[in-house]
C-alpha atoms as a PDB file:
ATOM      1  CA  GLN A   1       0.000   0.000   0.000  1.00  0.00           C
ATOM      2  CA  GLY A   2       2.869   2.438   0.619  1.00  0.00           C
ATOM      3  CA  ASN A   3       4.686   1.699  -2.663  1.00  0.00           C
ATOM      4  CA  LEU A   4       2.823   4.023  -5.015  1.00  0.00           C
ATOM      5  CA  SER A   5       4.534   5.400  -8.099  1.00  0.00           C
ATOM      6  CA  THR A   6       3.652   7.932 -10.778  1.00  0.00           C
ATOM      7  CA  LEU A   7       1.860   6.398 -13.739  1.00  0.00           C
ATOM      8  CA  GLY A   8       2.141   9.402 -16.047  1.00  0.00           C
ATOM      9  CA  THR A   9       1.368  13.080 -16.415  1.00  0.00           C
ATOM     10  CA  VAL A  10      -1.405  15.037 -18.124  1.00  0.00           C
ATOM     11  CA  SER A  11      -0.371  18.704 -18.389  1.00  0.00           C
ATOM     12  CA  LEU A  12      -2.788  21.642 -18.215  1.00  0.00           C
ATOM     13  CA  SER A  13      -2.493  25.195 -19.519  1.00  0.00           C
ATOM     14  CA  ALA A  14      -0.579  27.609 -17.326  1.00  0.00           C
ATOM     15  CA  GLY A  15      -2.567  30.102 -15.279  1.00  0.00           C
ATOM     16  CA  ASN A  16      -5.734  29.932 -13.240  1.00  0.00           C
ATOM     17  CA  ASN A  17      -7.941  28.250 -15.843  1.00  0.00           C
ATOM     18  CA  GLY A  18      -6.497  24.719 -15.754  1.00  0.00           C
ATOM     19  CA  GLY A  19      -8.831  22.159 -14.215  1.00  0.00           C
ATOM     20  CA  PRO A  20     -11.072  20.723 -12.868  1.00  0.00           C
ATOM     21  CA  ILE A  21     -10.500  17.052 -13.638  1.00  0.00           C
ATOM     22  CA  ASP A  22     -12.218  13.694 -13.188  1.00  0.00           C
ATOM     23  CA  ILE A  23     -10.471  10.320 -13.201  1.00  0.00           C
ATOM     24  CA  GLY A  24     -11.769   6.823 -13.985  1.00  0.00           C
ATOM     25  CA  PHE A  25     -10.443   3.345 -14.697  1.00  0.00           C
ATOM     26  CA  ASP A  26     -11.241   1.189 -17.742  1.00  0.00           C
ATOM     27  CA  THR A  27     -11.320  -2.439 -16.592  1.00  0.00           C
ATOM     28  CA  ASP A  28     -11.468  -3.694 -20.195  1.00  0.00           C
ATOM     29  CA  ASP A  29      -7.878  -2.682 -20.971  1.00  0.00           C
ATOM     30  CA  ASN A  30      -6.658  -1.831 -17.443  1.00  0.00           C
ATOM     31  CA  SER A  31      -6.025   1.824 -18.222  1.00  0.00           C
ATOM     32  CA  THR A  32      -6.521   5.068 -16.353  1.00  0.00           C
ATOM     33  CA  VAL A  33      -8.839   7.589 -18.018  1.00  0.00           C
ATOM     34  CA  VAL A  34      -8.568  11.319 -17.250  1.00  0.00           C
ATOM     35  CA  LEU A  35     -11.084  14.020 -18.187  1.00  0.00           C
ATOM     36  CA  VAL A  36      -9.789  17.595 -18.036  1.00  0.00           C
ATOM     37  CA  ASN A  37     -11.350  21.024 -18.428  1.00  0.00           C
ATOM     38  CA  ASP A  38      -8.252  22.836 -19.697  1.00  0.00           C
ATOM     39  CA  ASN A  39      -9.329  26.486 -19.949  1.00  0.00           C
ATOM     40  CA  GLY A  40     -12.621  25.501 -21.604  1.00  0.00           C
ATOM     41  CA  ASN A  41     -11.133  22.728 -23.783  1.00  0.00           C
ATOM     42  CA  ILE A  42     -12.741  19.488 -22.617  1.00  0.00           C
ATOM     43  CA  GLU A  43     -10.078  16.806 -23.116  1.00  0.00           C
ATOM     44  CA  LEU A  44     -10.265  13.049 -22.567  1.00  0.00           C
ATOM     45  CA  TRP A  45      -6.984  11.152 -22.060  1.00  0.00           C
ATOM     46  CA  ARG A  46      -6.233   7.445 -21.585  1.00  0.00           C
ATOM     47  CA  ASN A  47      -3.061   5.783 -20.366  1.00  0.00           C
ATOM     48  CA  ASN A  48      -1.186   4.506 -23.416  1.00  0.00           C
ATOM     49  CA  GLU A  49      -1.078   0.700 -23.261  1.00  0.00           C
ATOM     50  CA  THR A  50       2.130   0.410 -25.299  1.00  0.00           C
ATOM     51  CA  ALA A  51       4.139   3.214 -23.653  1.00  0.00           C
ATOM     52  CA  VAL A  52       3.716   3.016 -19.886  1.00  0.00           C
ATOM     53  CA  GLY A  53       3.696   6.429 -18.247  1.00  0.00           C
ATOM     54  CA  THR A  54       2.249   8.315 -21.219  1.00  0.00           C
ATOM     55  CA  PHE A  55      -1.299   9.354 -21.967  1.00  0.00           C
ATOM     56  CA  THR A  56      -2.983   9.564 -25.374  1.00  0.00           C
ATOM     57  CA  ALA A  57      -5.800  11.985 -26.197  1.00  0.00           C
ATOM     58  CA  ILE A  58      -9.060  10.262 -27.156  1.00  0.00           C
ATOM     59  CA  GLY A  59     -11.164  11.985 -29.795  1.00  0.00           C
ATOM     60  CA  SER A  60     -11.221  15.712 -30.421  1.00  0.00           C
ATOM     61  CA  ASP A  61     -11.670  18.371 -27.755  1.00  0.00           C
ATOM     62  CA  ALA A  62     -15.126  19.699 -26.971  1.00  0.00           C
ATOM     63  CA  THR A  63     -15.611  23.363 -26.133  1.00  0.00           C
ATOM     64  CA  GLY A  64     -16.833  24.054 -22.626  1.00  0.00           C
ATOM     65  CA  VAL A  65     -16.705  26.865 -20.106  1.00  0.00           C
ATOM     66  CA  ALA A  66     -13.368  27.444 -18.321  1.00  0.00           C
ATOM     67  CA  LEU A  67     -13.314  26.295 -14.680  1.00  0.00           C
ATOM     68  CA  ASP A  68     -16.720  24.552 -14.886  1.00  0.00           C
ATOM     69  CA  LYS A  69     -16.950  21.035 -13.471  1.00  0.00           C
ATOM     70  CA  VAL A  70     -16.615  17.997 -15.697  1.00  0.00           C
ATOM     71  CA  SER A  71     -17.933  14.488 -15.088  1.00  0.00           C
ATOM     72  CA  LEU A  72     -16.666  11.122 -16.323  1.00  0.00           C
ATOM     73  CA  ALA A  73     -18.437   7.753 -16.266  1.00  0.00           C
ATOM     74  CA  VAL A  74     -16.436   4.702 -17.378  1.00  0.00           C
ATOM     75  CA  GLN A  75     -17.789   1.356 -18.560  1.00  0.00           C
ATOM     76  CA  PRO A  76     -15.399  -1.140 -20.175  1.00  0.00           C
ATOM     77  CA  SER A  77     -14.138   0.689 -23.308  1.00  0.00           C
ATOM     78  CA  LYS A  78     -16.999   3.219 -23.149  1.00  0.00           C
ATOM     79  CA  TYR A  79     -16.769   6.716 -21.652  1.00  0.00           C
ATOM     80  CA  ALA A  80     -19.539   9.243 -20.977  1.00  0.00           C
ATOM     81  CA  VAL A  81     -18.264  12.802 -20.605  1.00  0.00           C
ATOM     82  CA  GLY A  82     -20.422  15.497 -19.022  1.00  0.00           C
ATOM     83  CA  TYR A  83     -19.650  19.216 -19.249  1.00  0.00           C
ATOM     84  CA  MET A  84     -21.286  22.613 -19.692  1.00  0.00           C
ATOM     85  CA  SER A  85     -20.851  24.272 -23.059  1.00  0.00           C
ATOM     86  CA  SER A  86     -21.180  27.984 -23.728  1.00  0.00           C
ATOM     87  CA  THR A  87     -24.423  27.424 -25.667  1.00  0.00           C
ATOM     88  CA  ASP A  88     -26.401  25.172 -23.298  1.00  0.00           C
ATOM     89  CA  ASN A  89     -26.668  24.049 -19.696  1.00  0.00           C
ATOM     90  CA  ALA A  90     -25.252  20.555 -20.129  1.00  0.00           C
ATOM     91  CA  SER A  91     -23.668  18.380 -22.796  1.00  0.00           C
ATOM     92  CA  VAL A  92     -22.799  14.700 -22.858  1.00  0.00           C
ATOM     93  CA  SER A  93     -20.356  13.071 -25.280  1.00  0.00           C
ATOM     94  CA  ILE A  94     -19.908   9.306 -25.630  1.00  0.00           C
ATOM     95  CA  PHE A  95     -16.545   7.742 -26.569  1.00  0.00           C
ATOM     96  CA  TYR A  96     -15.981   4.031 -27.180  1.00  0.00           C
ATOM     97  CA  ASP A  97     -13.446   1.538 -28.515  1.00  0.00           C
ATOM     98  CA  GLU A  98     -14.552  -0.684 -31.373  1.00  0.00           C
END
């Protein structure tokens, strides 16, 4: 329990508009999934299975509102991303592996 190590890093924009984040785990491929609101760019990242310690962006960024909360739900190889966009009160995007 006390032997934790860093898996990898997801970097945010400098300044006060980086974050918030939500983190999940995909049991289908044993990878960590990170959802980030990076200054209004809603980004979904997954731990790269072939290069341990690196993360790969999944899909294209959605446009949200800087500093607003984001929400991530993970099913095996399926991800539901919740965020607020500048044109509505709530948006949900679905990502999945085929």
